Protein backbone atom coordinates (compact mmCIF):
# COMPACT_ATOMS: atom_id res chain seq x y z
CA UNK A 1 0.00 0.00 0.00
CA UNK A 2 1.25 3.47 -0.88
CA UNK A 3 1.97 5.60 2.16
CA UNK A 4 3.26 8.93 0.87
CA UNK A 5 4.43 10.15 -2.52
CA UNK A 6 6.66 13.18 -2.89
CA UNK A 7 7.17 14.55 -6.40
CA UNK A 8 9.79 17.30 -6.59
CA UNK A 9 9.24 19.35 -9.75
CA UNK A 10 11.67 21.92 -11.12
CA UNK A 11 11.41 24.05 -14.23
CA UNK A 12 14.95 24.53 -15.55
CA UNK A 13 14.02 26.06 -18.91
CA UNK A 14 12.69 29.41 -20.08
CA UNK A 15 11.74 28.52 -23.67
CA UNK A 16 8.08 27.78 -22.86
CA UNK A 17 5.68 28.71 -20.09
CA UNK A 18 4.51 25.61 -18.23
CA UNK A 19 0.69 25.65 -18.45
CA UNK A 20 -1.46 25.97 -15.36
CA UNK A 21 -2.20 22.60 -13.83
CA UNK A 22 0.80 20.76 -15.27
CA UNK A 23 2.53 20.35 -11.91
CA UNK A 24 -0.62 18.76 -10.44
CA UNK A 25 -0.96 16.62 -13.56
CA UNK A 26 2.62 15.33 -13.16
CA UNK A 27 1.92 14.45 -9.52
CA UNK A 28 -1.30 12.67 -10.49
CA UNK A 29 0.52 10.70 -13.23
CA UNK A 30 3.24 9.57 -10.81
CA UNK A 31 0.66 8.54 -8.22
CA UNK A 32 -1.53 6.70 -10.74
CA UNK A 33 1.40 4.62 -12.00
CA UNK A 34 2.37 3.65 -8.46
CA UNK A 35 -1.23 2.72 -7.60
CA UNK A 36 -1.61 0.63 -10.77
CA UNK A 37 1.67 -1.12 -10.07
CA UNK A 38 0.68 -1.90 -6.45
CA UNK A 39 3.70 -0.02 -5.12
CA UNK A 40 4.25 -0.38 -1.38
CA UNK A 41 5.62 2.26 0.99
CA UNK A 42 6.60 5.89 0.51
CA UNK A 43 8.23 7.14 -2.67
CA UNK A 44 10.14 10.17 -3.92
CA UNK A 45 10.46 11.16 -7.56
CA UNK A 46 12.23 14.16 -9.09
CA UNK A 47 10.84 15.68 -12.31
CA UNK A 48 12.75 18.38 -14.21
CA UNK A 49 11.63 20.39 -17.21
CA UNK A 50 14.58 21.35 -19.44
CA UNK A 51 15.29 22.80 -22.88
CA UNK A 52 16.61 20.84 -25.86
CA UNK A 53 20.20 21.97 -25.29
CA UNK A 54 20.25 20.59 -21.74
CA UNK A 55 18.51 17.40 -22.87
CA UNK A 56 21.12 16.90 -25.57
CA UNK A 57 23.91 17.30 -22.98
CA UNK A 58 22.28 14.73 -20.68
CA UNK A 59 21.64 12.28 -23.53
CA UNK A 60 25.27 12.54 -24.65
CA UNK A 61 26.65 12.20 -21.13
CA UNK A 62 24.48 9.27 -20.01
CA UNK A 63 23.62 7.43 -23.25
CA UNK A 64 26.41 8.55 -25.62
CA UNK A 65 23.77 9.86 -28.06
CA UNK A 66 24.54 13.36 -29.36
CA UNK A 67 20.98 14.60 -29.87
CA UNK A 68 18.04 15.75 -27.82
CA UNK A 69 15.18 13.44 -26.87
CA UNK A 70 11.76 13.92 -25.32
CA UNK A 71 12.31 12.29 -21.92
CA UNK A 72 15.07 10.60 -19.95
CA UNK A 73 14.66 8.37 -16.91
CA UNK A 74 17.33 7.89 -14.28
CA UNK A 75 16.25 5.05 -11.97
CA UNK A 76 17.81 4.85 -8.52
CA UNK A 77 16.85 1.24 -8.00
CA UNK A 78 16.96 -2.17 -9.55
CA UNK A 79 14.63 -5.18 -9.31
CA UNK A 80 12.31 -3.33 -6.93
CA UNK A 81 15.09 -2.30 -4.50
CA UNK A 82 15.58 1.46 -4.22
CA UNK A 83 17.83 3.88 -2.40
CA UNK A 84 16.21 5.14 0.81
CA UNK A 85 16.02 8.77 1.89
CA UNK A 86 17.45 8.53 5.41
CA UNK A 87 15.48 11.59 6.56
CA UNK A 88 12.04 10.38 5.42
CA UNK A 89 12.41 6.63 4.93
CA UNK A 90 10.96 7.02 1.43
CA UNK A 91 12.18 4.94 -1.49
CA UNK A 92 13.88 7.23 -4.01
CA UNK A 93 12.69 5.97 -7.38
CA UNK A 94 14.79 8.31 -9.50
CA UNK A 95 14.72 11.31 -11.81
CA UNK A 96 12.55 12.15 -14.80
CA UNK A 97 13.79 14.81 -17.22
CA UNK A 98 11.36 16.19 -19.82
CA UNK A 99 12.30 18.40 -22.77
CA UNK A 100 9.55 21.01 -22.92
CA UNK A 101 10.34 22.13 -26.51
CA UNK A 102 10.21 18.49 -27.64
CA UNK A 103 6.93 17.94 -25.74
CA UNK A 104 5.42 21.02 -27.43
CA UNK A 105 6.57 19.80 -30.87
CA UNK A 106 5.22 16.29 -30.30
CA UNK A 107 1.87 17.55 -28.97
CA UNK A 108 1.49 19.59 -32.17
CA UNK A 109 2.59 16.69 -34.37
CA UNK A 110 0.23 14.19 -32.73
CA UNK A 111 -2.65 16.65 -32.53
CA UNK A 112 -3.24 16.60 -28.79
CA UNK A 113 -2.68 18.97 -25.88
CA UNK A 114 0.66 19.72 -24.27
CA UNK A 115 -0.86 18.40 -21.03
CA UNK A 116 -1.55 15.03 -22.67
CA UNK A 117 2.00 14.87 -24.00
CA UNK A 118 3.59 15.76 -20.66
CA UNK A 119 1.26 13.26 -18.97
CA UNK A 120 2.33 10.56 -21.42
CA UNK A 121 6.04 11.34 -20.97
CA UNK A 122 5.66 11.29 -17.18
CA UNK A 123 3.81 7.95 -17.16
CA UNK A 124 6.27 6.46 -19.66
CA UNK A 125 9.24 7.54 -17.56
CA UNK A 126 7.66 6.38 -14.28
CA UNK A 127 7.35 2.89 -15.77
CA UNK A 128 11.07 3.02 -16.63
CA UNK A 129 11.83 4.01 -13.01
CA UNK A 130 9.91 0.89 -11.94
CA UNK A 131 12.00 -1.34 -14.22
CA UNK A 132 10.00 -1.55 -17.45
CA UNK A 133 11.94 -1.39 -20.71
CA UNK A 134 10.55 -1.08 -24.23
CA UNK A 135 13.94 -1.12 -25.98
CA UNK A 136 13.92 -4.88 -26.70
CA UNK A 137 10.53 -4.44 -28.43
CA UNK A 138 8.12 -7.35 -28.67
CA UNK A 139 6.04 -8.24 -25.63
CA UNK A 140 7.86 -5.80 -23.33
CA UNK A 141 6.98 -2.92 -25.65
CA UNK A 142 3.32 -4.02 -25.86
CA UNK A 143 3.06 -4.43 -22.05
CA UNK A 144 4.53 -0.99 -21.46
CA UNK A 145 2.23 0.68 -24.02
CA UNK A 146 -0.83 -1.02 -22.49
CA UNK A 147 0.15 0.18 -19.00
CA UNK A 148 0.72 3.72 -20.29
CA UNK A 149 -2.68 3.89 -21.98
CA UNK A 150 -4.44 2.39 -18.94
CA UNK A 151 -3.07 5.12 -16.67
CA UNK A 152 -3.67 7.92 -19.18
CA UNK A 153 -7.26 6.77 -19.72
CA UNK A 154 -7.84 6.67 -15.95
CA UNK A 155 -6.62 10.27 -15.76
CA UNK A 156 -8.83 11.43 -18.64
CA UNK A 157 -5.92 11.69 -21.08
CA UNK A 158 -7.04 9.26 -23.75
CA UNK A 159 -5.10 9.32 -26.98
CA UNK A 160 -7.95 10.99 -28.88
CA UNK A 161 -8.93 13.62 -26.31
CA UNK A 162 -7.67 16.91 -25.05
CA UNK A 163 -7.06 17.42 -21.36
CA UNK A 164 -7.58 20.48 -19.24
CA UNK A 165 -7.04 20.62 -15.54
CA UNK A 166 -8.67 23.37 -13.52
CA UNK A 167 -6.60 24.74 -10.63
CA UNK A 168 -9.73 24.80 -8.48
CA UNK A 169 -9.88 20.98 -8.37
C-alpha cells in the first residue's frame, strides 16, 4: 500500500511557459502509475523540465547519443530495490527529465494537448523508473504501451482527447 508520494518538480528552462495545472498533472501521473503497479511504501520522484540543449547534454553524457530526446529516466533502484532517503524513509525511485520544446513539438505533431503529452512522458518515464523497458521491443513494448494507456485513460488523457485541468480541483 502506498503511504506517501513526494514529487519534486523543477522548471529549468525558459523557452516555454509551463501551463497551469501541469505540476498537479505530473503528480497525479506519478501517483496513478504507483497505484496501478501496487507499489508499497513511501516514494520520492524528481521531475525536471529542461530545454533541448540541456537534454542533448544529458543524452550525450548518459547514453552517448549526441541529440536531444523527449524524456530521460534515471532510476535509482533495480529489481524493486531502491535507495532510501534517510530523513524520510521514502524509497527514491529516481529522476525524470522532460524536454519542454520536444513535448510542445510532439503535442502539435500528434494533434493533442501539451498536457496530454507531458502526462504521457511522465507515465512512460515512471514505468522506466519501476524497471519496465521497451527497448527490446516485442512483448515488453506491448506491455509498457498497455500500462501507459491504462493510466492515461484513468486520468482522462485518452489518446484521442484533449485534457484540461482546472486549478480549483
